[in-house]
Each structure stands twice: as C-alpha cells, then as structure tokens.
Amino acid sequence: MQNNQFKKGELYSFITGKASIAIARSLQKKFNAAGLQLTIEQWSVLYHLWKDDGKSQQDLCNATFRDKPSITRLVDNLEKLGLVQRVPSDSDRRINKIYVTKAAQKLQEQTMQLAEETLNEALSGVPPEHVDLCKEVLQKVYDNLK
C-alpha cells in the first residue's frame, strides 16, 4: 500500500528541504552580522571536528554527507583561514587527519550559541512532541533510502 500523501509539487519542495535551507540562511545572516568570515558549509565541518577532532577527510565526507572534492575544497579554505591543519596519519601516509586550531576553538562557543538561537527561533511555537515525531519520521525516511 502506498503512503504518498503529498501532491507532486509538495513532495519536491519537501525533498529540497525548504526548512533546512531557511535555517542555514538565517544562521549565515547571524554569522555575517557577528563579523564572522565563515560559511555554513565551513562551520558544519568545524562542528564535526569540535565533536571529534582528528577526523580523516573521508570521515568528514561521511559526517557531512558531502563528496570528496567538496570536503577537500572546504578543508583547503579552512586551512587558509587558519582554522584547521592537516596532519599525516601515523598509520597510513595516504590519509590526513584534520585538526582544529586554537583560532577555531575560539569560534566554537560563539558559533554554537548563534546556532542554538537560530534553532530556537525556527522551532518557536512547535510543541516538543512534534519535534520528536518529525525527527522520527525523517530518520525513517533516511533509513528507508540509505
């Protein structure tokens, strides 16, 4: 039995992630207003490194759902900004581990606070049980297509 409760136009706009794009745009505006020269894409890489520093570029691809060329470009730009450094792996010369610098560590608290503010604004008026249901449904969609 099909469970297609969307009209085609609604489905495509749902799939494109209007909410995700709106959140990203809002957060980017907050970064810009705070004088941070950081894109949302760069911040997402830093976010995963703050959680687990020293990831390989492949690990960052997996964590951020980006391809290798995109991660390479992002890491290159973060390196130019002095926010990350590549360190060759001890066990495999083909692998570089990516580490945040002190400059990036200084950005963590400020950017995470801006991200929290943005999410609070985005979820304003949404009951917690709806947020939980939404997470559950989106996880199921992801798992179905993984």
N, C-alpha and C. Protein backbone atom coordinates (compact mmCIF):
# COMPACT_ATOMS: atom_id res chain seq x y z
N MET A 1 0.84 -1.19 0.00
CA MET A 1 0.00 0.00 0.00
C MET A 1 0.88 1.24 0.00
N GLN A 2 0.58 2.16 -0.90
CA GLN A 2 1.37 3.38 -0.97
C GLN A 2 0.96 4.36 0.12
N ASN A 3 1.94 5.12 0.56
CA ASN A 3 1.69 6.11 1.59
C ASN A 3 2.12 7.48 1.07
N ASN A 4 1.67 7.82 -0.13
CA ASN A 4 2.04 9.08 -0.75
C ASN A 4 0.95 10.11 -0.48
N GLN A 5 1.13 10.88 0.58
CA GLN A 5 0.12 11.85 0.97
C GLN A 5 0.44 13.25 0.47
N PHE A 6 1.43 13.36 -0.42
CA PHE A 6 1.83 14.65 -0.95
C PHE A 6 1.44 14.76 -2.40
N LYS A 7 1.07 15.97 -2.82
CA LYS A 7 0.97 16.24 -4.25
C LYS A 7 2.40 16.35 -4.74
N LYS A 8 2.63 16.12 -6.02
CA LYS A 8 3.99 16.12 -6.54
C LYS A 8 4.75 17.39 -6.17
N GLY A 9 4.17 18.55 -6.36
CA GLY A 9 4.85 19.81 -6.03
C GLY A 9 5.22 19.91 -4.56
N GLU A 10 4.33 19.44 -3.70
CA GLU A 10 4.61 19.46 -2.26
C GLU A 10 5.74 18.52 -1.93
N LEU A 11 5.73 17.36 -2.57
CA LEU A 11 6.77 16.38 -2.30
C LEU A 11 8.15 16.91 -2.68
N TYR A 12 8.24 17.52 -3.87
CA TYR A 12 9.53 18.02 -4.32
C TYR A 12 10.03 19.15 -3.42
N SER A 13 9.13 20.03 -3.01
CA SER A 13 9.58 21.11 -2.14
C SER A 13 9.95 20.57 -0.76
N PHE A 14 9.29 19.51 -0.34
CA PHE A 14 9.65 18.86 0.91
C PHE A 14 11.05 18.25 0.80
N ILE A 15 11.27 17.56 -0.32
CA ILE A 15 12.54 16.89 -0.53
C ILE A 15 13.69 17.89 -0.61
N THR A 16 13.47 19.05 -1.20
CA THR A 16 14.54 20.02 -1.33
C THR A 16 14.94 20.62 0.01
N GLY A 17 14.13 20.44 0.98
CA GLY A 17 14.50 20.87 2.32
C GLY A 17 14.34 22.36 2.56
N LYS A 18 13.16 22.88 2.27
CA LYS A 18 12.93 24.31 2.48
C LYS A 18 13.29 24.74 3.90
N ALA A 19 12.91 23.94 4.87
CA ALA A 19 13.20 24.31 6.25
C ALA A 19 14.70 24.33 6.51
N SER A 20 15.39 23.35 5.99
CA SER A 20 16.83 23.28 6.16
C SER A 20 17.52 24.49 5.53
N ILE A 21 17.08 24.85 4.35
CA ILE A 21 17.65 26.00 3.65
C ILE A 21 17.37 27.29 4.44
N ALA A 22 16.15 27.41 4.95
CA ALA A 22 15.79 28.61 5.72
C ALA A 22 16.63 28.73 6.98
N ILE A 23 16.86 27.61 7.65
CA ILE A 23 17.69 27.62 8.86
C ILE A 23 19.12 28.01 8.51
N ALA A 24 19.66 27.42 7.45
CA ALA A 24 21.03 27.72 7.03
C ALA A 24 21.18 29.19 6.67
N ARG A 25 20.22 29.74 5.95
CA ARG A 25 20.28 31.16 5.57
C ARG A 25 20.23 32.05 6.79
N SER A 26 19.36 31.72 7.72
CA SER A 26 19.25 32.51 8.94
C SER A 26 20.55 32.48 9.75
N LEU A 27 21.12 31.30 9.86
CA LEU A 27 22.38 31.18 10.60
C LEU A 27 23.50 31.92 9.89
N GLN A 28 23.54 31.85 8.56
CA GLN A 28 24.56 32.58 7.81
C GLN A 28 24.43 34.09 8.05
N LYS A 29 23.20 34.58 8.09
CA LYS A 29 22.98 36.01 8.37
C LYS A 29 23.51 36.37 9.75
N LYS A 30 23.30 35.49 10.72
CA LYS A 30 23.81 35.74 12.08
C LYS A 30 25.34 35.74 12.09
N PHE A 31 25.95 34.82 11.38
CA PHE A 31 27.42 34.80 11.28
C PHE A 31 27.91 36.10 10.67
N ASN A 32 27.27 36.53 9.58
CA ASN A 32 27.68 37.77 8.91
C ASN A 32 27.53 38.97 9.83
N ALA A 33 26.40 39.04 10.53
CA ALA A 33 26.14 40.17 11.44
C ALA A 33 27.15 40.21 12.58
N ALA A 34 27.65 39.03 12.97
CA ALA A 34 28.63 38.95 14.05
C ALA A 34 30.05 39.19 13.53
N GLY A 35 30.19 39.41 12.23
CA GLY A 35 31.50 39.66 11.65
C GLY A 35 32.34 38.41 11.45
N LEU A 36 31.68 37.27 11.45
CA LEU A 36 32.40 36.01 11.26
C LEU A 36 32.55 35.72 9.77
N GLN A 37 33.75 35.53 9.33
CA GLN A 37 34.02 35.21 7.92
C GLN A 37 34.01 33.69 7.75
N LEU A 38 32.84 33.11 7.93
CA LEU A 38 32.69 31.66 7.95
C LEU A 38 31.39 31.30 7.25
N THR A 39 31.46 30.35 6.33
CA THR A 39 30.24 29.89 5.67
C THR A 39 29.61 28.76 6.50
N ILE A 40 28.35 28.51 6.23
CA ILE A 40 27.65 27.42 6.92
C ILE A 40 28.33 26.09 6.60
N GLU A 41 28.77 25.91 5.36
CA GLU A 41 29.44 24.68 4.98
C GLU A 41 30.74 24.50 5.76
N GLN A 42 31.51 25.57 5.90
CA GLN A 42 32.74 25.50 6.69
C GLN A 42 32.42 25.21 8.15
N TRP A 43 31.39 25.87 8.66
CA TRP A 43 31.00 25.66 10.06
C TRP A 43 30.59 24.21 10.30
N SER A 44 29.91 23.60 9.32
CA SER A 44 29.49 22.20 9.51
C SER A 44 30.70 21.28 9.64
N VAL A 45 31.77 21.57 8.92
CA VAL A 45 32.99 20.78 9.05
C VAL A 45 33.60 21.00 10.44
N LEU A 46 33.69 22.27 10.85
CA LEU A 46 34.23 22.57 12.19
C LEU A 46 33.37 21.91 13.27
N TYR A 47 32.06 21.94 13.11
CA TYR A 47 31.16 21.33 14.08
C TYR A 47 31.52 19.87 14.33
N HIS A 48 31.75 19.13 13.26
CA HIS A 48 32.09 17.71 13.41
C HIS A 48 33.49 17.52 13.99
N LEU A 49 34.39 18.43 13.70
CA LEU A 49 35.73 18.36 14.29
C LEU A 49 35.70 18.74 15.77
N TRP A 50 34.86 19.68 16.14
CA TRP A 50 34.73 20.02 17.56
C TRP A 50 34.21 18.83 18.35
N LYS A 51 33.33 18.05 17.74
CA LYS A 51 32.81 16.86 18.40
C LYS A 51 33.85 15.75 18.47
N ASP A 52 34.68 15.63 17.43
CA ASP A 52 35.65 14.53 17.33
C ASP A 52 36.83 15.00 16.47
N ASP A 53 37.76 15.70 17.10
CA ASP A 53 38.90 16.26 16.39
C ASP A 53 39.79 15.16 15.83
N GLY A 54 40.41 15.45 14.70
CA GLY A 54 41.33 14.49 14.11
C GLY A 54 40.68 13.50 13.18
N LYS A 55 39.54 13.87 12.61
CA LYS A 55 38.87 13.00 11.64
C LYS A 55 39.65 13.03 10.32
N SER A 56 39.53 11.96 9.57
CA SER A 56 40.08 11.94 8.22
C SER A 56 39.11 12.70 7.31
N GLN A 57 39.58 13.05 6.12
CA GLN A 57 38.69 13.71 5.18
C GLN A 57 37.53 12.80 4.79
N GLN A 58 37.77 11.51 4.69
CA GLN A 58 36.69 10.57 4.39
C GLN A 58 35.66 10.55 5.52
N ASP A 59 36.14 10.58 6.75
CA ASP A 59 35.21 10.64 7.89
C ASP A 59 34.35 11.91 7.81
N LEU A 60 34.97 13.02 7.40
CA LEU A 60 34.22 14.27 7.26
C LEU A 60 33.20 14.18 6.12
N CYS A 61 33.56 13.49 5.04
CA CYS A 61 32.60 13.25 3.95
C CYS A 61 31.37 12.53 4.50
N ASN A 62 31.61 11.49 5.24
CA ASN A 62 30.51 10.69 5.79
C ASN A 62 29.67 11.49 6.78
N ALA A 63 30.33 12.26 7.63
CA ALA A 63 29.63 13.01 8.68
C ALA A 63 28.79 14.15 8.10
N THR A 64 29.28 14.78 7.03
CA THR A 64 28.60 15.95 6.48
C THR A 64 27.77 15.64 5.23
N PHE A 65 27.81 14.41 4.76
CA PHE A 65 27.09 13.99 3.54
C PHE A 65 27.57 14.78 2.32
N ARG A 66 28.86 15.02 2.27
CA ARG A 66 29.45 15.73 1.12
C ARG A 66 30.41 14.79 0.41
N ASP A 67 30.68 15.10 -0.85
CA ASP A 67 31.62 14.28 -1.61
C ASP A 67 33.06 14.72 -1.33
N LYS A 68 34.01 13.91 -1.79
CA LYS A 68 35.43 14.18 -1.52
C LYS A 68 35.91 15.52 -2.06
N PRO A 69 35.57 15.87 -3.31
CA PRO A 69 36.03 17.18 -3.79
C PRO A 69 35.50 18.35 -2.96
N SER A 70 34.26 18.26 -2.50
CA SER A 70 33.69 19.33 -1.68
C SER A 70 34.42 19.45 -0.34
N ILE A 71 34.69 18.30 0.29
CA ILE A 71 35.40 18.33 1.57
C ILE A 71 36.82 18.84 1.38
N THR A 72 37.46 18.42 0.32
CA THR A 72 38.82 18.89 0.05
C THR A 72 38.83 20.41 -0.08
N ARG A 73 37.88 20.96 -0.84
CA ARG A 73 37.78 22.41 -1.01
C ARG A 73 37.51 23.10 0.33
N LEU A 74 36.58 22.56 1.11
CA LEU A 74 36.26 23.15 2.40
C LEU A 74 37.45 23.13 3.34
N VAL A 75 38.14 22.00 3.40
CA VAL A 75 39.32 21.89 4.28
C VAL A 75 40.42 22.83 3.79
N ASP A 76 40.62 22.92 2.47
CA ASP A 76 41.60 23.85 1.92
C ASP A 76 41.31 25.28 2.39
N ASN A 77 40.06 25.69 2.27
CA ASN A 77 39.68 27.04 2.66
C ASN A 77 39.78 27.26 4.16
N LEU A 78 39.40 26.26 4.95
CA LEU A 78 39.55 26.37 6.40
C LEU A 78 41.02 26.45 6.79
N GLU A 79 41.86 25.74 6.07
CA GLU A 79 43.30 25.77 6.32
C GLU A 79 43.86 27.17 6.01
N LYS A 80 43.40 27.75 4.89
CA LYS A 80 43.83 29.11 4.52
C LYS A 80 43.41 30.14 5.57
N LEU A 81 42.26 29.90 6.20
CA LEU A 81 41.78 30.80 7.25
C LEU A 81 42.46 30.54 8.60
N GLY A 82 43.30 29.51 8.65
CA GLY A 82 43.99 29.19 9.89
C GLY A 82 43.12 28.51 10.93
N LEU A 83 42.05 27.84 10.46
CA LEU A 83 41.11 27.21 11.39
C LEU A 83 41.31 25.71 11.54
N VAL A 84 41.97 25.09 10.57
CA VAL A 84 42.29 23.66 10.67
C VAL A 84 43.70 23.43 10.14
N GLN A 85 44.24 22.28 10.51
CA GLN A 85 45.51 21.86 9.93
C GLN A 85 45.43 20.38 9.60
N ARG A 86 46.09 20.03 8.50
CA ARG A 86 46.18 18.63 8.09
C ARG A 86 47.44 18.04 8.71
N VAL A 87 47.28 16.85 9.26
CA VAL A 87 48.43 16.14 9.84
C VAL A 87 48.43 14.74 9.24
N PRO A 88 49.54 14.34 8.61
CA PRO A 88 49.59 12.99 8.04
C PRO A 88 49.37 11.92 9.11
N SER A 89 48.62 10.90 8.75
CA SER A 89 48.35 9.80 9.67
C SER A 89 49.63 9.01 9.94
N ASP A 90 49.80 8.58 11.16
CA ASP A 90 50.95 7.74 11.51
C ASP A 90 50.86 6.37 10.85
N SER A 91 49.63 5.88 10.70
CA SER A 91 49.45 4.51 10.22
C SER A 91 49.31 4.39 8.70
N ASP A 92 48.95 5.49 8.02
CA ASP A 92 48.73 5.41 6.58
C ASP A 92 49.06 6.78 5.96
N ARG A 93 50.13 6.83 5.19
CA ARG A 93 50.60 8.10 4.62
C ARG A 93 49.60 8.73 3.67
N ARG A 94 48.68 7.93 3.14
CA ARG A 94 47.68 8.45 2.19
C ARG A 94 46.59 9.24 2.90
N ILE A 95 46.52 9.13 4.21
CA ILE A 95 45.43 9.74 4.96
C ILE A 95 45.95 10.94 5.76
N ASN A 96 45.22 12.04 5.67
CA ASN A 96 45.49 13.19 6.52
C ASN A 96 44.40 13.27 7.58
N LYS A 97 44.80 13.53 8.79
CA LYS A 97 43.85 13.80 9.86
C LYS A 97 43.69 15.31 9.93
N ILE A 98 42.47 15.76 10.17
CA ILE A 98 42.18 17.19 10.21
C ILE A 98 41.93 17.59 11.66
N TYR A 99 42.67 18.60 12.10
CA TYR A 99 42.57 19.09 13.48
C TYR A 99 42.22 20.57 13.49
N VAL A 100 41.38 20.96 14.44
CA VAL A 100 41.08 22.38 14.60
C VAL A 100 42.25 23.08 15.27
N THR A 101 42.41 24.35 14.94
CA THR A 101 43.45 25.16 15.55
C THR A 101 42.86 25.91 16.75
N LYS A 102 43.72 26.62 17.45
CA LYS A 102 43.24 27.44 18.58
C LYS A 102 42.27 28.51 18.10
N ALA A 103 42.53 29.05 16.91
CA ALA A 103 41.62 30.07 16.35
C ALA A 103 40.22 29.49 16.16
N ALA A 104 40.12 28.25 15.70
CA ALA A 104 38.82 27.60 15.52
C ALA A 104 38.18 27.30 16.87
N GLN A 105 38.98 26.91 17.83
CA GLN A 105 38.44 26.62 19.16
C GLN A 105 37.80 27.87 19.76
N LYS A 106 38.38 29.03 19.45
CA LYS A 106 37.82 30.29 19.96
C LYS A 106 36.46 30.61 19.35
N LEU A 107 36.21 30.08 18.16
CA LEU A 107 34.92 30.32 17.48
C LEU A 107 33.81 29.39 17.95
N GLN A 108 34.18 28.31 18.58
CA GLN A 108 33.20 27.27 18.91
C GLN A 108 32.04 27.80 19.74
N GLU A 109 32.33 28.44 20.85
CA GLU A 109 31.25 28.87 21.74
C GLU A 109 30.33 29.88 21.06
N GLN A 110 30.92 30.86 20.39
CA GLN A 110 30.13 31.89 19.74
C GLN A 110 29.24 31.31 18.63
N THR A 111 29.80 30.47 17.78
CA THR A 111 29.02 29.92 16.67
C THR A 111 27.95 28.94 17.16
N MET A 112 28.28 28.18 18.18
CA MET A 112 27.28 27.25 18.72
C MET A 112 26.13 28.01 19.37
N GLN A 113 26.43 29.13 20.00
CA GLN A 113 25.37 29.96 20.59
C GLN A 113 24.47 30.53 19.50
N LEU A 114 25.07 30.99 18.40
CA LEU A 114 24.28 31.51 17.28
C LEU A 114 23.42 30.40 16.66
N ALA A 115 23.98 29.20 16.57
CA ALA A 115 23.22 28.06 16.02
C ALA A 115 22.05 27.71 16.93
N GLU A 116 22.28 27.74 18.23
CA GLU A 116 21.21 27.44 19.18
C GLU A 116 20.10 28.49 19.09
N GLU A 117 20.48 29.76 19.00
CA GLU A 117 19.49 30.83 18.84
C GLU A 117 18.66 30.62 17.58
N THR A 118 19.32 30.26 16.51
CA THR A 118 18.64 30.05 15.23
C THR A 118 17.66 28.90 15.32
N LEU A 119 18.08 27.80 15.93
CA LEU A 119 17.17 26.66 16.08
C LEU A 119 15.99 26.99 16.99
N ASN A 120 16.26 27.74 18.05
CA ASN A 120 15.16 28.15 18.94
C ASN A 120 14.14 29.00 18.20
N GLU A 121 14.63 29.91 17.35
CA GLU A 121 13.72 30.72 16.53
C GLU A 121 12.95 29.84 15.56
N ALA A 122 13.63 28.92 14.93
CA ALA A 122 13.00 28.04 13.94
C ALA A 122 11.92 27.17 14.58
N LEU A 123 12.14 26.74 15.80
CA LEU A 123 11.21 25.82 16.46
C LEU A 123 10.22 26.54 17.39
N SER A 124 10.23 27.86 17.36
CA SER A 124 9.32 28.63 18.19
C SER A 124 7.88 28.23 17.90
N GLY A 125 7.15 27.89 18.94
CA GLY A 125 5.75 27.52 18.79
C GLY A 125 5.51 26.08 18.37
N VAL A 126 6.58 25.33 18.16
CA VAL A 126 6.42 23.93 17.78
C VAL A 126 6.51 23.09 19.07
N PRO A 127 5.46 22.36 19.38
CA PRO A 127 5.49 21.54 20.60
C PRO A 127 6.62 20.49 20.54
N PRO A 128 7.26 20.23 21.66
CA PRO A 128 8.36 19.25 21.67
C PRO A 128 7.98 17.89 21.11
N GLU A 129 6.74 17.45 21.33
CA GLU A 129 6.33 16.14 20.81
C GLU A 129 6.27 16.16 19.28
N HIS A 130 6.00 17.30 18.68
CA HIS A 130 6.01 17.40 17.22
C HIS A 130 7.44 17.34 16.69
N VAL A 131 8.36 17.96 17.42
CA VAL A 131 9.78 17.90 17.04
C VAL A 131 10.25 16.45 17.09
N ASP A 132 9.88 15.76 18.17
CA ASP A 132 10.28 14.35 18.31
C ASP A 132 9.70 13.50 17.18
N LEU A 133 8.43 13.73 16.84
CA LEU A 133 7.79 12.98 15.76
C LEU A 133 8.47 13.28 14.42
N CYS A 134 8.79 14.53 14.20
CA CYS A 134 9.46 14.92 12.96
C CYS A 134 10.82 14.24 12.84
N LYS A 135 11.58 14.23 13.93
CA LYS A 135 12.88 13.54 13.92
C LYS A 135 12.70 12.06 13.59
N GLU A 136 11.70 11.46 14.19
CA GLU A 136 11.44 10.04 13.98
C GLU A 136 11.09 9.76 12.52
N VAL A 137 10.20 10.57 11.96
CA VAL A 137 9.78 10.37 10.57
C VAL A 137 10.96 10.59 9.62
N LEU A 138 11.71 11.66 9.80
CA LEU A 138 12.84 11.93 8.91
C LEU A 138 13.91 10.86 9.03
N GLN A 139 14.13 10.33 10.23
CA GLN A 139 15.10 9.24 10.39
C GLN A 139 14.62 8.01 9.64
N LYS A 140 13.32 7.74 9.70
CA LYS A 140 12.76 6.59 8.99
C LYS A 140 12.90 6.77 7.48
N VAL A 141 12.65 7.97 6.98
CA VAL A 141 12.82 8.24 5.56
C VAL A 141 14.28 8.01 5.16
N TYR A 142 15.18 8.53 5.96
CA TYR A 142 16.62 8.35 5.68
C TYR A 142 16.98 6.87 5.68
N ASP A 143 16.54 6.16 6.71
CA ASP A 143 16.86 4.73 6.81
C ASP A 143 16.29 3.95 5.63
N ASN A 144 15.09 4.30 5.17
CA ASN A 144 14.49 3.62 4.04
C ASN A 144 15.29 3.79 2.77
N LEU A 145 15.96 4.92 2.62
CA LEU A 145 16.66 5.23 1.38
C LEU A 145 18.17 5.05 1.48
N LYS A 146 18.66 4.69 2.63
CA LYS A 146 20.10 4.56 2.86
C LYS A 146 20.72 3.44 2.09
